[in-house]
Every structure is written in C-alpha cells, then in structure tokens.
Amino acid sequence: MASSELPSIGALRGQETATRAFRAALVADTSSPARVAGAYLLHGPRGVGRALAALGFATALLCRAPVDAQPCGRCKPCHLCAAATHPDLLVVSAETGPRFRDDGESLRAGPGQFTRAHHAGKKAGPRRGIQVRALRRLLDLLSLSAAAGGRKVAVIDSLDEVEDEGVATLLKSLEEPPRDTTFLVLARDIDSVPDTIVSRCQRVRFRPLAPPVISAILAERLAPEERPRPEELRLVLGLSQGSVGRALDAVRSGLHHEGAAAMTGLLQPSGPVGVEAARDWVQAAGRELAAQRERVRALLALGLLMARDRAARSGTADELESLLPAFSAGLEACDANVSPDLVLHALWARVRRARRLTT
C-alpha cells in the first residue's frame, strides 16, 4: 500500500465477516454500544487482507472523527496515517523488521523506526522471524504516553514468526496492556497460537478469497501489460489458493509465464527437457538462497497443479501418481536447505525415471 493512501477497512474485499467485526467495534447504536477490545487476533492465510484490515482498523481508531467506521481523512491523525508517519501506530513485521544488530541498537530506537514509512523504505525479502529485541522495544514504546494524546495501536505481523521468547513477552503485555492501547496480532494458523494468547484476544477470522474477487483485484492492481492472459490467469488462480498475495507474486515473478514454460519442459511426456530454463528463472530471484528456494517451491507447486490438470483432462491419475514422489522429494529437499540447483537436477532425474517406468 502506498504511503499516500489512507488505509480503510472499506477497501477490504471478500471478507464480510471480518468487516462486520471491525464495524461493530467502531460504530455504536442504541442497542449495542461500540466497544474496542485491547487485543485482536486476525487469523487466516497470508495475502487475503489481514494487514490491510489491521491498518484500516488502526486508522479509524486513531481518527478524531470517524464516520460510519471510516476515517474522516481530514484530521491530523488521518494525515499522519496517510503519510505512514503516525507516531502512535507502531508496526513490527517479519518481512521488513525493524531488525537490530544488538540490544543497544534496539534501546536507541524511537517510534519512527516502527512507523509504516520506515517499513516502506525497506526491501521486502524472504520473511524472517521477528526479533524478540524488536518486540521488546515496541512494547517499551507503547508504555509511554501517546504522542498525539489519544490511543496507541500496535500491529504485529505475524505471531507465527515471532521468536519463542517474544511470544512470552507479548503475553505479559496482553495480560496487563498499557492504557488506551490496542494490539492487532496477525497469525496464519489459529492452532499454532498459544491458548493463553487466544483467550486474551478477540478473534477475527479471514478466509481464502473467491477466484472472482482475486481476478477483480488483479485487474485493478496490475497494469494492462502485466495482466495474465486467460489461460495464464487460470494457472495464477490455481496457485493463489485464495490469496491475492500469492497471485500477485506469481504474476510479478513470471511464474505463470517463464516458470510455466520451464515446468512444461520438465513434464514433457516424451521425457523431461533439461533444467536450464528452470534454473534461470530460479536464479532471477537474486543471489540470496532463501529467495531462490522460495522460487523452487513455487515451481514445484506449479508442476503439481499442471500434473493435476492433465490428469483431469485425461481421465486417469496414473501420470500424476507416478510424479507425486518427485514433487514430494523436491519439497523435502527445499526444507532441508539443499541447494536449488541440486533440487532441480534431482527433480529432472526423478521425472525422467517416472516417465520410463510408466511408458
């Protein structure tokens, strides 16, 4: 989200249940007065609107005169939120940090290093665990008086990636939250969240998005020349698993085009073509091995989807069943930090062997 945009839950798409939950907290009526909880747990797949909802809800909470659960866009807090510099909206992210070299550096950090503007200046790369020292500093800053004299909001994206010691630290703050402070904690899997934290949060569930919703969002966010062709869009939607984030990653990385061409070669019925095209696409992610492994995982997911589609068209699962061990072994190798190049060559060899055994 660009820093010049004012976050709003009105921009949330395909998450009616979550929208109603936030509206109920923001809008009072004669039968049910508005009541803002001290902590909310936004759980569901990544890339379905959790972060957008958290920022939109936070902006409305900080706004001096929200209208029908929407920020007014005119007050000073709204201007600060639009500029991503509100000092009472603090964010810690597994993707963009902040990260500190040592405890001394973290203790010197001010609110500015936890603003969205600071995060916007960081290159988004492979997600890493949220440092416990970063979380502790965030909590220290929340214990101070609000700079704007109102509420303070903390967004933690996401709990799945907080270092173990940090989870215990967060629990202490949820048990005795700072005054006029709201925590917005994001998590993918509710089952991985300790019961002690779940019990102290109001749960807001986010579901995978329907394909028409993802298609509409892609059409809005992508330039005309970036938009996938109809046959490519079908692959993108299949890979997305209901996540706009996954769909955008697939398009912007070229997985639906260059990646698909490489995987088509590896799945050739007459015998797999060499791995050069796949290796080139993987290495285009940069020199960082973590980024390359993510591309290998994406290729394996694409290959499995393509094999399933071919099985559906042919009416037999023989080919799919023969290839499943190759994909499983590839994923296990990625998890074991085997080099991407070795994973691709092993995949080629296993597909070649499967082809010989089934023909």
Protein backbone atom coordinates (compact mmCIF):
# COMPACT_ATOMS: atom_id res chain seq x y z
CA MET A 1 0.00 0.00 0.00
CA ALA A 2 1.39 3.37 -0.97
CA SER A 3 2.04 5.74 1.90
CA SER A 4 -0.12 8.44 0.27
CA GLU A 5 -3.22 6.26 0.62
CA LEU A 6 -5.37 6.40 3.72
CA PRO A 7 -5.89 2.82 4.97
CA SER A 8 -9.56 1.94 5.45
CA ILE A 9 -11.49 -1.23 6.16
CA GLY A 10 -13.80 -0.07 3.35
CA ALA A 11 -11.09 -1.25 0.95
CA LEU A 12 -11.30 -4.80 2.30
CA ARG A 13 -12.67 -7.23 -0.31
CA GLY A 14 -14.32 -10.60 0.15
CA GLN A 15 -14.06 -10.60 3.97
CA GLU A 16 -17.56 -9.63 5.06
CA THR A 17 -17.33 -11.38 8.44
CA ALA A 18 -14.15 -9.52 9.37
CA THR A 19 -15.58 -6.22 8.13
CA ARG A 20 -18.64 -6.66 10.34
CA ALA A 21 -16.46 -7.41 13.37
CA PHE A 22 -14.46 -4.22 12.95
CA ARG A 23 -17.54 -2.12 12.25
CA ALA A 24 -19.16 -3.43 15.43
CA ALA A 25 -16.13 -2.26 17.41
CA LEU A 26 -16.17 1.19 15.81
CA VAL A 27 -19.84 2.05 15.39
CA ALA A 28 -22.23 2.50 18.30
CA ASP A 29 -26.02 2.23 18.05
CA THR A 30 -28.84 2.29 20.56
CA SER A 31 -28.81 -1.47 21.11
CA SER A 32 -25.09 -2.19 21.07
CA PRO A 33 -22.56 0.49 22.03
CA ALA A 34 -19.19 0.43 20.32
CA ARG A 35 -16.51 -1.33 22.32
CA VAL A 36 -12.87 -1.58 21.31
CA ALA A 37 -11.01 -4.59 22.71
CA GLY A 38 -7.46 -4.39 23.99
CA ALA A 39 -6.27 -7.02 21.52
CA TYR A 40 -7.50 -8.58 18.28
CA LEU A 41 -6.19 -11.76 16.68
CA LEU A 42 -6.54 -11.57 12.89
CA HIS A 43 -6.04 -15.14 11.70
CA GLY A 44 -6.16 -16.71 8.26
CA PRO A 45 -3.98 -17.27 5.18
CA ARG A 46 -1.42 -14.68 4.18
CA GLY A 47 -2.40 -12.38 1.33
CA VAL A 48 -6.17 -12.28 1.97
CA GLY A 49 -6.43 -8.84 3.55
CA ARG A 50 -5.29 -9.23 7.17
CA ALA A 51 -2.66 -6.49 7.00
CA LEU A 52 -4.97 -4.16 5.07
CA ALA A 53 -7.71 -4.70 7.65
CA ALA A 54 -5.30 -4.12 10.54
CA LEU A 55 -4.10 -0.81 9.11
CA GLY A 56 -7.63 0.29 8.19
CA PHE A 57 -8.95 -0.51 11.66
CA ALA A 58 -5.94 1.21 13.27
CA THR A 59 -6.51 4.35 11.19
CA ALA A 60 -10.16 4.51 12.22
CA LEU A 61 -9.18 4.04 15.88
CA LEU A 62 -6.73 6.94 15.67
CA CYS A 63 -9.06 9.23 13.70
CA ARG A 64 -10.62 12.02 15.75
CA ALA A 65 -13.97 11.92 13.94
CA PRO A 66 -14.59 8.60 12.17
CA VAL A 67 -17.79 8.36 10.13
CA ASP A 68 -19.56 5.00 9.85
CA ALA A 69 -16.36 3.11 10.77
CA GLN A 70 -14.34 5.04 8.20
CA PRO A 71 -11.59 7.57 9.00
CA CYS A 72 -12.60 11.15 8.19
CA GLY A 73 -9.48 11.84 6.13
CA ARG A 74 -9.34 15.45 7.33
CA CYS A 75 -7.95 15.42 10.88
CA LYS A 76 -4.24 15.48 11.73
CA PRO A 77 -4.13 11.76 12.73
CA CYS A 78 -5.60 10.85 9.33
CA HIS A 79 -2.98 12.97 7.57
CA LEU A 80 -0.26 11.24 9.58
CA CYS A 81 -1.70 7.81 8.77
CA ALA A 82 -1.89 8.70 5.08
CA ALA A 83 1.77 9.73 5.21
CA ALA A 84 2.55 6.50 7.14
CA THR A 85 4.24 8.54 9.88
CA HIS A 86 1.75 8.43 12.77
CA PRO A 87 3.95 8.00 15.88
CA ASP A 88 1.23 6.08 17.74
CA LEU A 89 0.74 3.44 15.01
CA LEU A 90 3.67 1.09 15.52
CA VAL A 91 4.35 -1.91 13.29
CA VAL A 92 6.73 -4.84 13.59
CA SER A 93 6.91 -7.19 10.61
CA ALA A 94 8.59 -10.48 9.75
CA GLU A 95 9.19 -9.10 6.27
CA THR A 96 10.52 -5.58 6.89
CA GLY A 97 11.51 -5.53 10.56
CA PRO A 98 12.75 -3.41 12.11
CA ARG A 99 15.80 -5.53 12.92
CA PHE A 100 18.60 -4.58 15.24
CA ARG A 101 22.18 -5.79 15.47
CA ASP A 102 22.20 -5.85 19.27
CA ASP A 103 20.25 -4.79 22.34
CA GLY A 104 21.99 -1.43 22.47
CA GLU A 105 20.79 -0.51 18.99
CA SER A 106 17.24 -1.59 19.82
CA LEU A 107 17.19 0.51 23.01
CA ARG A 108 18.14 3.59 20.99
CA ALA A 109 15.30 3.05 18.50
CA GLY A 110 12.46 5.55 18.59
CA PRO A 111 8.86 5.35 17.34
CA GLY A 112 9.97 6.47 13.88
CA GLN A 113 11.66 3.12 13.28
CA PHE A 114 8.35 1.34 13.84
CA THR A 115 6.22 3.52 11.53
CA ARG A 116 4.90 2.35 8.19
CA ALA A 117 7.07 4.95 6.45
CA HIS A 118 10.18 3.32 7.88
CA HIS A 119 8.96 -0.09 6.71
CA ALA A 120 8.18 1.28 3.24
CA GLY A 121 11.86 2.14 2.83
CA LYS A 122 12.90 -1.46 3.45
CA LYS A 123 13.23 -4.01 0.68
CA ALA A 124 10.73 -6.80 1.18
CA GLY A 125 12.53 -10.11 1.04
CA PRO A 126 12.07 -13.60 2.44
CA ARG A 127 10.23 -13.41 5.75
CA ARG A 128 12.35 -13.91 8.84
CA GLY A 129 11.47 -14.30 12.49
CA ILE A 130 10.50 -11.14 14.38
CA GLN A 131 13.34 -10.44 16.80
CA VAL A 132 12.49 -10.56 20.48
CA ARG A 133 14.57 -7.40 20.99
CA ALA A 134 12.46 -5.60 18.37
CA LEU A 135 9.26 -6.76 20.05
CA ARG A 136 10.52 -5.68 23.47
CA ARG A 137 11.37 -2.23 22.18
CA LEU A 138 7.93 -1.96 20.60
CA LEU A 139 6.36 -2.78 23.96
CA ASP A 140 8.61 -0.26 25.72
CA LEU A 141 7.42 2.48 23.36
CA LEU A 142 3.80 1.51 23.91
CA SER A 143 4.24 2.03 27.65
CA LEU A 144 4.91 5.74 27.03
CA SER A 145 2.20 8.34 26.68
CA ALA A 146 0.66 8.63 23.24
CA ALA A 147 2.42 11.29 21.17
CA ALA A 148 -0.91 12.56 19.81
CA GLY A 149 -2.63 12.30 23.18
CA GLY A 150 -5.08 9.57 22.16
CA ARG A 151 -4.93 5.83 21.56
CA LYS A 152 -1.87 3.79 20.60
CA VAL A 153 -2.07 0.86 18.19
CA ALA A 154 0.48 -1.90 17.64
CA VAL A 155 0.41 -4.19 14.58
CA ILE A 156 2.38 -7.45 14.89
CA ASP A 157 2.75 -9.20 11.53
CA SER A 158 2.84 -12.02 12.35
CA LEU A 159 2.77 -14.11 15.52
CA ASP A 160 3.77 -17.26 13.59
CA GLU A 161 7.17 -15.65 13.02
CA VAL A 162 7.88 -14.18 16.44
CA GLU A 163 10.86 -15.77 18.23
CA ASP A 164 9.71 -18.12 21.01
CA GLU A 165 10.89 -15.84 23.80
CA GLY A 166 8.99 -12.99 22.18
CA VAL A 167 5.67 -14.84 22.47
CA ALA A 168 6.07 -14.99 26.26
CA THR A 169 7.00 -11.31 26.29
CA LEU A 170 3.88 -10.40 24.31
CA LEU A 171 1.70 -12.47 26.63
CA LYS A 172 2.81 -10.38 29.60
CA SER A 173 1.72 -7.20 27.82
CA LEU A 174 -1.63 -8.71 26.85
CA GLU A 175 -2.24 -9.69 30.47
CA GLU A 176 -1.59 -6.12 31.64
CA PRO A 177 -1.98 -3.96 28.50
CA PRO A 178 -0.84 -0.34 28.53
CA ARG A 179 -3.67 2.16 28.91
CA ASP A 180 -5.56 3.15 25.72
CA THR A 181 -3.60 0.65 23.65
CA THR A 182 -4.91 -1.82 21.09
CA PHE A 183 -2.88 -4.78 19.81
CA LEU A 184 -3.61 -6.13 16.33
CA VAL A 185 -1.88 -9.52 16.12
CA LEU A 186 -1.78 -11.34 12.80
CA ALA A 187 -1.38 -15.12 12.55
CA ARG A 188 -1.87 -17.69 9.83
CA ASP A 189 -2.88 -20.75 11.83
CA ILE A 190 -5.02 -20.29 14.94
CA ASP A 191 -3.97 -23.75 16.16
CA SER A 192 -0.35 -22.57 16.41
CA VAL A 193 -1.27 -19.67 18.70
CA PRO A 194 -0.97 -20.47 22.43
CA ASP A 195 -4.33 -20.68 24.19
CA THR A 196 -3.11 -18.10 26.69
CA ILE A 197 -2.87 -15.53 23.89
CA VAL A 198 -6.07 -16.60 22.11
CA SER A 199 -8.02 -16.15 25.35
CA ARG A 200 -6.85 -12.54 25.65
CA CYS A 201 -7.77 -11.52 22.11
CA GLN A 202 -10.95 -11.01 20.17
CA ARG A 203 -10.69 -13.36 17.22
CA VAL A 204 -11.31 -12.12 13.68
CA ARG A 205 -11.20 -14.84 11.03
CA PHE A 206 -10.08 -14.25 7.44
CA ARG A 207 -10.94 -16.80 4.77
CA PRO A 208 -9.41 -17.59 1.35
CA LEU A 209 -10.78 -15.28 -1.32
CA ALA A 210 -13.03 -16.49 -4.12
CA PRO A 211 -11.47 -16.58 -7.63
CA PRO A 212 -13.71 -13.75 -8.97
CA VAL A 213 -12.55 -11.50 -6.13
CA ILE A 214 -8.88 -12.25 -6.86
CA SER A 215 -9.42 -11.69 -10.59
CA ALA A 216 -11.01 -8.32 -9.93
CA ILE A 217 -8.20 -7.23 -7.60
CA LEU A 218 -5.54 -8.32 -10.10
CA ALA A 219 -7.25 -6.28 -12.81
CA GLU A 220 -7.14 -3.24 -10.51
CA ARG A 221 -3.58 -3.59 -9.28
CA LEU A 222 -1.80 -4.69 -12.43
CA ALA A 223 -1.05 -2.52 -15.43
CA PRO A 224 -2.70 -3.74 -18.67
CA GLU A 225 0.60 -5.11 -19.99
CA GLU A 226 1.15 -7.07 -16.76
CA ARG A 227 -2.20 -8.81 -16.66
CA PRO A 228 -2.06 -12.55 -17.43
CA ARG A 229 -3.82 -13.94 -20.48
CA PRO A 230 -6.93 -16.09 -19.84
CA GLU A 231 -5.06 -19.40 -19.92
CA GLU A 232 -2.35 -17.95 -17.65
CA LEU A 233 -4.96 -16.49 -15.29
CA ARG A 234 -6.34 -19.98 -14.69
CA LEU A 235 -2.89 -21.09 -13.52
CA VAL A 236 -2.49 -17.99 -11.35
CA LEU A 237 -5.84 -18.55 -9.66
CA GLY A 238 -5.00 -22.20 -9.03
CA LEU A 239 -1.66 -21.26 -7.50
CA SER A 240 -3.15 -18.49 -5.38
CA GLN A 241 -5.08 -20.85 -3.07
CA GLY A 242 -7.39 -17.93 -2.33
CA SER A 243 -4.58 -15.43 -1.66
CA VAL A 244 -4.17 -12.18 -3.59
CA GLY A 245 -0.61 -12.02 -2.30
CA ARG A 246 0.23 -15.39 -3.85
CA ALA A 247 -1.46 -14.41 -7.11
CA LEU A 248 0.47 -11.14 -7.34
CA ASP A 249 3.74 -12.92 -6.52
CA ALA A 250 3.06 -15.45 -9.28
CA VAL A 251 2.44 -12.74 -11.87
CA ARG A 252 5.23 -10.38 -10.87
CA SER A 253 7.80 -13.17 -10.71
CA GLY A 254 6.75 -14.56 -14.09
CA LEU A 255 5.81 -17.92 -12.60
CA HIS A 256 2.72 -18.04 -14.82
CA HIS A 257 4.82 -17.43 -17.95
CA GLU A 258 8.56 -18.18 -17.80
CA GLY A 259 8.10 -20.54 -14.87
CA ALA A 260 5.26 -22.35 -16.61
CA ALA A 261 7.32 -22.76 -19.77
CA ALA A 262 10.19 -24.25 -17.77
CA MET A 263 7.92 -26.65 -15.88
CA THR A 264 6.23 -27.70 -19.14
CA GLY A 265 9.66 -28.79 -20.35
CA LEU A 266 10.31 -30.73 -17.16
CA LEU A 267 6.98 -32.56 -17.52
CA GLN A 268 7.36 -33.49 -21.20
CA PRO A 269 5.59 -36.83 -21.83
CA SER A 270 8.40 -37.92 -24.14
CA GLY A 271 10.99 -37.21 -21.46
CA PRO A 272 11.86 -34.08 -19.48
CA VAL A 273 13.83 -31.34 -21.16
CA GLY A 274 16.93 -30.04 -19.32
CA VAL A 275 16.69 -27.85 -16.25
CA GLU A 276 18.39 -24.77 -17.72
CA ALA A 277 15.19 -22.73 -18.16
CA ALA A 278 14.00 -23.59 -14.66
CA ARG A 279 17.40 -22.74 -13.19
CA ASP A 280 17.49 -19.39 -15.00
CA TRP A 281 14.06 -18.47 -13.65
CA VAL A 282 15.00 -19.51 -10.11
CA GLN A 283 18.28 -17.56 -10.20
CA ALA A 284 16.46 -14.45 -11.43
CA ALA A 285 15.28 -14.06 -7.83
CA GLY A 286 18.78 -12.89 -6.90
CA ARG A 287 21.76 -14.40 -5.16
CA GLU A 288 20.09 -15.00 -1.80
CA LEU A 289 19.47 -18.73 -1.42
CA ALA A 290 16.30 -18.25 0.63
CA ALA A 291 14.70 -16.34 -2.26
CA GLN A 292 15.82 -18.99 -4.74
CA ARG A 293 14.36 -21.77 -2.60
CA GLU A 294 11.04 -19.93 -2.49
CA ARG A 295 11.04 -19.95 -6.29
CA VAL A 296 11.82 -23.66 -6.37
CA ARG A 297 8.86 -24.28 -4.04
CA ALA A 298 6.68 -22.17 -6.32
CA LEU A 299 7.83 -24.21 -9.34
CA LEU A 300 7.01 -27.46 -7.54
CA ALA A 301 3.54 -26.18 -6.67
CA LEU A 302 3.06 -25.16 -10.30
CA GLY A 303 4.21 -28.55 -11.53
CA LEU A 304 1.79 -30.34 -9.22
CA LEU A 305 -1.06 -28.12 -10.41
CA MET A 306 -0.20 -28.75 -14.07
CA ALA A 307 0.03 -32.51 -13.48
CA ARG A 308 -3.38 -32.49 -11.77
CA ASP A 309 -4.89 -30.55 -14.66
CA ARG A 310 -3.51 -33.07 -17.15
CA ALA A 311 -4.88 -35.92 -15.06
CA ALA A 312 -8.32 -34.28 -15.02
CA ARG A 313 -8.27 -33.84 -18.80
CA SER A 314 -7.05 -37.38 -19.49
CA GLY A 315 -9.43 -39.01 -17.02
CA THR A 316 -6.65 -41.07 -15.41
CA ALA A 317 -4.41 -40.39 -12.43
CA ASP A 318 -1.61 -42.77 -13.48
CA GLU A 319 0.74 -39.99 -14.59
CA LEU A 320 0.00 -37.85 -11.54
CA GLU A 321 0.64 -40.73 -9.15
CA SER A 322 3.96 -41.50 -10.84
CA LEU A 323 5.11 -37.88 -10.44
CA LEU A 324 3.97 -37.26 -6.87
CA PRO A 325 7.12 -38.80 -5.29
CA ALA A 326 9.30 -36.46 -7.37
CA PHE A 327 7.42 -33.37 -6.15
CA SER A 328 7.41 -34.61 -2.54
CA ALA A 329 11.14 -35.27 -2.62
CA GLY A 330 11.72 -31.79 -4.08
CA LEU A 331 9.81 -30.11 -1.29
CA GLU A 332 11.63 -32.15 1.36
CA ALA A 333 14.94 -31.15 -0.19
CA CYS A 334 13.98 -27.46 -0.07
CA ASP A 335 13.05 -27.80 3.60
CA ALA A 336 16.41 -29.47 4.22
CA ASN A 337 18.19 -26.46 2.63
CA VAL A 338 19.54 -28.44 -0.31
CA SER A 339 20.88 -26.09 -2.99
CA PRO A 340 18.22 -25.04 -5.54
CA ASP A 341 20.36 -26.29 -8.43
CA LEU A 342 20.62 -29.77 -6.90
CA VAL A 343 16.88 -29.83 -6.21
CA LEU A 344 16.11 -29.06 -9.85
CA HIS A 345 18.54 -31.66 -11.21
CA ALA A 346 17.14 -34.29 -8.82
CA LEU A 347 13.61 -33.37 -9.94
CA TRP A 348 14.62 -33.81 -13.58
CA ALA A 349 16.16 -37.22 -12.81
CA ARG A 350 13.11 -38.43 -10.87
CA VAL A 351 10.66 -37.26 -13.55
CA ARG A 352 12.81 -38.99 -16.19
CA ARG A 353 12.75 -42.23 -14.21
CA ALA A 354 8.98 -41.98 -13.66
CA ARG A 355 8.46 -41.49 -17.39
CA ARG A 356 10.50 -44.60 -18.21
CA LEU A 357 8.57 -46.70 -15.71
CA THR A 358 5.14 -45.62 -16.99
CA THR A 359 5.79 -45.95 -20.75
